[in-house]
Amino acid sequence: MDGDLREGEVVTALPSRHDAGVYFIGMIRTPWTSRRDCPKRGSFDGPVCSLIIDERWHAALEGIKDHKRLQVLYWMDQARRDLVLQAPAHAGKIVGTFALRSPVRPNPIASSVVEMMAVKDGTILVRGLDCLDGTPLIDIKPERIVTES
């Protein structure tokens, strides 16, 4: 991985163990198979993508149709995790990882607010994602809670 470094980037040693565990609740299907083609930020007029929920979590989708927008949390499994200083091509300067939206971070967790198009048989169709095809899905939350009047 060190061969992937840009001038000025700095790596750190990763801890010897993880502090917590995560259950992936499904997988995300998108049209993007390379980081080069993947958008930097999703758009509500972007392509329809699928959140494929593992069958054990299907009951957790009850009531999700009541929400137009969802927050999707996902694990950027192809991102490196050891950079503390990065040299983004667009910035023209060295920047700390926590000052960037880069997928390169100690815990490669991403969050996107998406527009829900449909829900059927444990699959949620959405617009607004910016991740690679096959990305592991961590969680789904409504953007805001709908209350009855």
Protein backbone atom coordinates (compact mmCIF):
# COMPACT_ATOMS: atom_id res chain seq x y z
CA MET A 1 0.00 0.00 0.00
CA ASP A 2 2.88 2.40 0.62
CA GLY A 3 3.40 2.60 -3.15
CA ASP A 4 0.02 4.35 -3.37
CA LEU A 5 1.20 7.35 -1.33
CA ARG A 6 1.25 10.84 -2.82
CA GLU A 7 4.03 13.26 -1.94
CA GLY A 8 3.58 14.53 1.63
CA GLU A 9 1.19 11.79 2.78
CA VAL A 10 1.92 10.13 6.12
CA VAL A 11 0.84 6.72 7.41
CA THR A 12 0.51 5.50 10.97
CA ALA A 13 0.67 2.02 12.49
CA LEU A 14 -2.80 0.54 12.95
CA PRO A 15 -3.80 -0.84 16.38
CA SER A 16 -3.20 -4.57 16.86
CA ARG A 17 -6.90 -5.28 17.53
CA HIS A 18 -10.36 -3.81 16.90
CA ASP A 19 -12.32 -2.14 19.69
CA ALA A 20 -15.79 -3.19 18.52
CA GLY A 21 -17.65 -5.44 16.11
CA VAL A 22 -20.10 -4.54 13.37
CA TYR A 23 -22.90 -6.62 11.83
CA PHE A 24 -23.34 -5.92 8.13
CA ILE A 25 -27.09 -5.90 7.46
CA GLY A 26 -26.78 -6.32 3.71
CA MET A 27 -25.04 -5.17 0.58
CA ILE A 28 -25.30 -2.17 -1.73
CA ARG A 29 -25.61 -2.60 -5.50
CA THR A 30 -24.50 0.39 -7.60
CA PRO A 31 -23.31 0.86 -11.19
CA TRP A 32 -19.74 1.77 -10.08
CA THR A 33 -17.00 -0.85 -9.98
CA SER A 34 -13.95 1.43 -9.66
CA ARG A 35 -13.17 4.36 -7.36
CA ARG A 36 -12.27 6.43 -10.42
CA ASP A 37 -15.85 6.15 -11.78
CA CYS A 38 -17.62 6.55 -8.43
CA PRO A 39 -19.00 10.05 -7.71
CA LYS A 40 -17.50 12.00 -4.79
CA ARG A 41 -20.98 12.81 -3.51
CA GLY A 42 -24.31 11.20 -4.36
CA SER A 43 -27.15 13.09 -6.05
CA PHE A 44 -30.91 12.64 -5.85
CA ASP A 45 -30.99 12.65 -9.67
CA GLY A 46 -28.30 9.95 -9.82
CA PRO A 47 -28.88 6.33 -10.80
CA VAL A 48 -31.18 4.04 -8.85
CA CYS A 49 -29.17 1.82 -6.51
CA SER A 50 -30.28 -1.12 -4.36
CA LEU A 51 -29.91 -1.76 -0.65
CA ILE A 52 -30.21 -5.53 -0.43
CA ILE A 53 -31.08 -6.42 3.14
CA ASP A 54 -30.07 -9.78 4.62
CA GLU A 55 -33.16 -11.89 5.22
CA ARG A 56 -32.65 -11.98 9.00
CA TRP A 57 -33.26 -8.17 9.06
CA HIS A 58 -36.35 -8.02 6.80
CA ALA A 59 -38.72 -7.50 9.75
CA ALA A 60 -36.71 -4.37 10.66
CA LEU A 61 -37.98 -2.76 7.42
CA GLU A 62 -41.52 -2.49 8.85
CA GLY A 63 -42.66 1.15 8.46
CA ILE A 64 -39.70 2.22 6.32
CA LYS A 65 -42.07 3.09 3.45
CA ASP A 66 -43.32 6.02 5.56
CA HIS A 67 -40.01 7.83 5.02
CA LYS A 68 -39.05 9.62 1.81
CA ARG A 69 -35.39 10.06 2.74
CA LEU A 70 -33.06 7.69 4.55
CA GLN A 71 -29.61 7.97 6.03
CA VAL A 72 -27.52 5.03 4.81
CA LEU A 73 -24.37 4.01 6.70
CA TYR A 74 -21.92 1.79 4.87
CA TRP A 75 -18.42 0.34 5.20
CA MET A 76 -15.93 1.41 2.52
CA ASP A 77 -14.19 -1.95 2.54
CA GLN A 78 -11.70 -1.11 -0.22
CA ALA A 79 -10.32 2.03 1.44
CA ARG A 80 -6.96 2.08 3.17
CA ARG A 81 -7.09 2.92 6.87
CA ASP A 82 -3.63 4.11 7.87
CA LEU A 83 -3.24 7.65 6.44
CA VAL A 84 -3.16 10.55 8.90
CA LEU A 85 -2.07 13.18 6.36
CA GLN A 86 -3.44 13.12 2.81
CA ALA A 87 -2.68 14.97 -0.41
CA PRO A 88 -6.04 15.19 -2.19
CA ALA A 89 -5.66 16.01 -5.87
CA HIS A 90 -8.26 18.80 -5.67
CA ALA A 91 -6.82 20.55 -2.58
CA GLY A 92 -3.26 21.30 -3.67
CA LYS A 93 -2.04 20.95 -0.07
CA ILE A 94 -1.56 18.36 2.66
CA VAL A 95 -4.64 17.91 4.87
CA GLY A 96 -5.38 15.81 7.95
CA THR A 97 -7.70 12.85 7.45
CA PHE A 98 -10.33 14.23 9.86
CA ALA A 99 -10.54 17.44 7.80
CA LEU A 100 -11.61 15.51 4.69
CA ARG A 101 -14.58 13.51 3.41
CA SER A 102 -12.12 11.01 1.94
CA PRO A 103 -12.93 7.30 2.23
CA VAL A 104 -9.40 6.84 3.59
CA ARG A 105 -9.81 6.93 7.39
CA PRO A 106 -9.25 4.73 10.46
CA ASN A 107 -12.85 3.49 10.37
CA PRO A 108 -14.05 3.70 6.76
CA ILE A 109 -17.67 4.45 7.60
CA ALA A 110 -19.63 6.54 5.11
CA SER A 111 -23.02 8.18 5.39
CA SER A 112 -25.33 9.33 2.61
CA VAL A 113 -28.82 10.76 2.72
CA VAL A 114 -30.76 9.09 -0.08
CA GLU A 115 -34.19 9.39 -1.61
CA MET A 116 -36.20 6.19 -1.32
CA MET A 117 -37.87 5.09 -4.56
CA ALA A 118 -39.41 1.73 -3.55
CA VAL A 119 -39.24 -1.20 -1.14
CA LYS A 120 -39.88 -4.76 -2.26
CA ASP A 121 -38.90 -8.18 -0.91
CA GLY A 122 -36.12 -6.93 1.34
CA THR A 123 -34.63 -4.56 -1.23
CA ILE A 124 -34.81 -0.78 -0.99
CA LEU A 125 -34.34 1.19 -4.22
CA VAL A 126 -32.72 4.58 -3.64
CA ARG A 127 -31.07 7.53 -5.38
CA GLY A 128 -28.18 9.52 -3.94
CA LEU A 129 -25.44 6.99 -3.19
CA ASP A 130 -21.73 7.36 -3.88
CA CYS A 131 -20.18 3.96 -3.22
CA LEU A 132 -18.82 0.99 -5.10
CA ASP A 133 -20.92 -2.00 -6.11
CA GLY A 134 -20.88 -4.65 -3.39
CA THR A 135 -20.22 -2.21 -0.52
CA PRO A 136 -21.26 -3.69 2.86
CA LEU A 137 -24.29 -2.01 4.45
CA ILE A 138 -24.04 -1.11 8.15
CA ASP A 139 -27.36 0.58 8.96
CA ILE A 140 -30.37 2.53 7.67
CA LYS A 141 -32.10 5.32 9.55
CA PRO A 142 -34.94 7.63 8.56
CA GLU A 143 -33.71 11.15 7.83
CA ARG A 144 -36.36 12.40 10.21
CA ILE A 145 -39.05 10.66 12.17
CA VAL A 146 -42.59 10.91 10.79
CA THR A 147 -45.13 11.55 13.55
CA GLU A 148 -48.89 11.14 13.38
CA SER A 149 -50.96 14.31 13.71
